[in-house]
Amino acid sequence: MAAMPITRASLTDSVIRSTILPMDLDDILPKRPDDPLVALTRQDLDPFSVEELTQRIAVLEAEIARAKAKIEHAVNHRANAEGLFKR
């Protein structure tokens, strides 16, 4: 087997991979062990078919859209309230 040549790109890639730490899900997820997000992120995806994974992604994307809409509503509500009280 021939040795792979060392290039600037391969060195840069290895430095980036060695210095970037993966995100720890415990830092961003709720602390309750019974939280559905915790269970969802720890679920083994191996048993799922491609179709099941595609359906899962669609459901998760719909939930993301719902959460974004809630955030937008909350931001708009706050801005409206602040505008009302600044008069």
C-alpha atoms as a PDB file:
ATOM      1  CA  MET A   1       0.000   0.000   0.000  1.00  0.00           C
ATOM      2  CA  ALA A   2       1.422   3.394  -1.041  1.00  0.00           C
ATOM      3  CA  ALA A   3       1.788   6.090   1.582  1.00  0.00           C
ATOM      4  CA  MET A   4      -0.520   9.076   1.219  1.00  0.00           C
ATOM      5  CA  PRO A   5       1.400  12.274   0.431  1.00  0.00           C
ATOM      6  CA  ILE A   6       1.252  14.969   3.069  1.00  0.00           C
ATOM      7  CA  THR A   7      -0.305  18.095   1.642  1.00  0.00           C
ATOM      8  CA  ARG A   8      -1.197  21.486   3.064  1.00  0.00           C
ATOM      9  CA  ALA A   9      -4.880  20.556   2.844  1.00  0.00           C
ATOM     10  CA  SER A  10      -4.431  17.278   4.712  1.00  0.00           C
ATOM     11  CA  LEU A  11      -2.449  19.023   7.454  1.00  0.00           C
ATOM     12  CA  THR A  12      -5.070  21.759   7.734  1.00  0.00           C
ATOM     13  CA  ASP A  13      -7.869  19.171   7.887  1.00  0.00           C
ATOM     14  CA  SER A  14      -6.122  17.187  10.611  1.00  0.00           C
ATOM     15  CA  VAL A  15      -5.437  20.338  12.658  1.00  0.00           C
ATOM     16  CA  ILE A  16      -9.057  21.447  12.351  1.00  0.00           C
ATOM     17  CA  ARG A  17     -10.364  18.006  13.318  1.00  0.00           C
ATOM     18  CA  SER A  18      -8.041  17.815  16.303  1.00  0.00           C
ATOM     19  CA  THR A  19      -8.816  21.295  17.633  1.00  0.00           C
ATOM     20  CA  ILE A  20     -12.585  21.508  17.148  1.00  0.00           C
ATOM     21  CA  LEU A  21     -14.383  19.846  19.999  1.00  0.00           C
ATOM     22  CA  PRO A  22     -17.718  18.203  19.250  1.00  0.00           C
ATOM     23  CA  MET A  23     -20.754  19.838  20.824  1.00  0.00           C
ATOM     24  CA  ASP A  24     -21.733  18.145  24.058  1.00  0.00           C
ATOM     25  CA  LEU A  25     -25.490  17.558  23.938  1.00  0.00           C
ATOM     26  CA  ASP A  26     -25.651  17.743  27.720  1.00  0.00           C
ATOM     27  CA  ASP A  27     -24.784  21.447  27.433  1.00  0.00           C
ATOM     28  CA  ILE A  28     -27.737  22.293  25.201  1.00  0.00           C
ATOM     29  CA  LEU A  29     -30.396  19.804  26.222  1.00  0.00           C
ATOM     30  CA  PRO A  30     -32.605  20.066  29.297  1.00  0.00           C
ATOM     31  CA  LYS A  31     -31.226  18.524  32.470  1.00  0.00           C
ATOM     32  CA  ARG A  32     -34.234  16.277  33.138  1.00  0.00           C
ATOM     33  CA  PRO A  33     -33.464  12.677  32.130  1.00  0.00           C
ATOM     34  CA  ASP A  34     -37.130  12.068  31.254  1.00  0.00           C
ATOM     35  CA  ASP A  35     -37.165  14.942  28.736  1.00  0.00           C
ATOM     36  CA  PRO A  36     -38.289  13.714  25.289  1.00  0.00           C
ATOM     37  CA  LEU A  37     -35.420  15.537  23.556  1.00  0.00           C
ATOM     38  CA  VAL A  38     -32.884  13.625  25.595  1.00  0.00           C
ATOM     39  CA  ALA A  39     -34.533  10.310  24.688  1.00  0.00           C
ATOM     40  CA  LEU A  40     -34.782  11.357  21.044  1.00  0.00           C
ATOM     41  CA  THR A  41     -31.083  12.205  20.732  1.00  0.00           C
ATOM     42  CA  ARG A  42     -30.008   8.971  22.370  1.00  0.00           C
ATOM     43  CA  GLN A  43     -32.244   6.704  20.302  1.00  0.00           C
ATOM     44  CA  ASP A  44     -30.405   4.194  18.126  1.00  0.00           C
ATOM     45  CA  LEU A  45     -31.163   4.953  14.471  1.00  0.00           C
ATOM     46  CA  ASP A  46     -29.787   1.677  13.097  1.00  0.00           C
ATOM     47  CA  PRO A  47     -33.112  -0.232  13.208  1.00  0.00           C
ATOM     48  CA  PHE A  48     -34.934   2.404  11.124  1.00  0.00           C
ATOM     49  CA  SER A  49     -35.434   2.079   7.377  1.00  0.00           C
ATOM     50  CA  VAL A  50     -34.689   4.924   4.976  1.00  0.00           C
ATOM     51  CA  GLU A  51     -38.423   5.618   4.704  1.00  0.00           C
ATOM     52  CA  GLU A  52     -38.798   5.731   8.489  1.00  0.00           C
ATOM     53  CA  LEU A  53     -35.818   8.067   8.792  1.00  0.00           C
ATOM     54  CA  THR A  54     -37.257  10.304   6.067  1.00  0.00           C
ATOM     55  CA  GLN A  55     -40.578  10.450   7.935  1.00  0.00           C
ATOM     56  CA  ARG A  56     -38.721  11.206  11.167  1.00  0.00           C
ATOM     57  CA  ILE A  57     -36.890  14.086   9.500  1.00  0.00           C
ATOM     58  CA  ALA A  58     -40.189  15.485   8.177  1.00  0.00           C
ATOM     59  CA  VAL A  59     -41.714  15.387  11.664  1.00  0.00           C
ATOM     60  CA  LEU A  60     -38.638  17.010  13.202  1.00  0.00           C
ATOM     61  CA  GLU A  61     -38.598  19.737  10.512  1.00  0.00           C
ATOM     62  CA  ALA A  62     -42.281  20.445  11.253  1.00  0.00           C
ATOM     63  CA  GLU A  63     -41.447  20.717  14.952  1.00  0.00           C
ATOM     64  CA  ILE A  64     -38.576  23.090  14.157  1.00  0.00           C
ATOM     65  CA  ALA A  65     -40.963  25.259  12.122  1.00  0.00           C
ATOM     66  CA  ARG A  66     -43.443  25.254  15.011  1.00  0.00           C
ATOM     67  CA  ALA A  67     -40.730  26.301  17.483  1.00  0.00           C
ATOM     68  CA  LYS A  68     -39.506  29.070  15.143  1.00  0.00           C
ATOM     69  CA  ALA A  69     -43.076  30.362  14.778  1.00  0.00           C
ATOM     70  CA  LYS A  70     -43.411  30.437  18.573  1.00  0.00           C
ATOM     71  CA  ILE A  71     -40.147  32.372  18.878  1.00  0.00           C
ATOM     72  CA  GLU A  72     -41.263  34.850  16.204  1.00  0.00           C
ATOM     73  CA  HIS A  73     -44.599  35.331  17.965  1.00  0.00           C
ATOM     74  CA  ALA A  74     -42.860  35.914  21.302  1.00  0.00           C
ATOM     75  CA  VAL A  75     -40.415  38.437  19.800  1.00  0.00           C
ATOM     76  CA  ASN A  76     -43.214  40.301  18.004  1.00  0.00           C
ATOM     77  CA  HIS A  77     -45.378  40.288  21.121  1.00  0.00           C
ATOM     78  CA  ARG A  78     -42.552  41.752  23.188  1.00  0.00           C
ATOM     79  CA  ALA A  79     -41.774  44.402  20.570  1.00  0.00           C
ATOM     80  CA  ASN A  80     -45.448  45.385  20.430  1.00  0.00           C
ATOM     81  CA  ALA A  81     -45.620  45.606  24.208  1.00  0.00           C
ATOM     82  CA  GLU A  82     -42.451  47.703  24.383  1.00  0.00           C
ATOM     83  CA  GLY A  83     -43.816  49.996  21.677  1.00  0.00           C
ATOM     84  CA  LEU A  84     -47.052  50.406  23.583  1.00  0.00           C
ATOM     85  CA  PHE A  85     -45.323  51.408  26.797  1.00  0.00           C
ATOM     86  CA  LYS A  86     -42.854  53.811  25.146  1.00  0.00           C
ATOM     87  CA  ARG A  87     -45.661  56.163  24.083  1.00  0.00           C
END
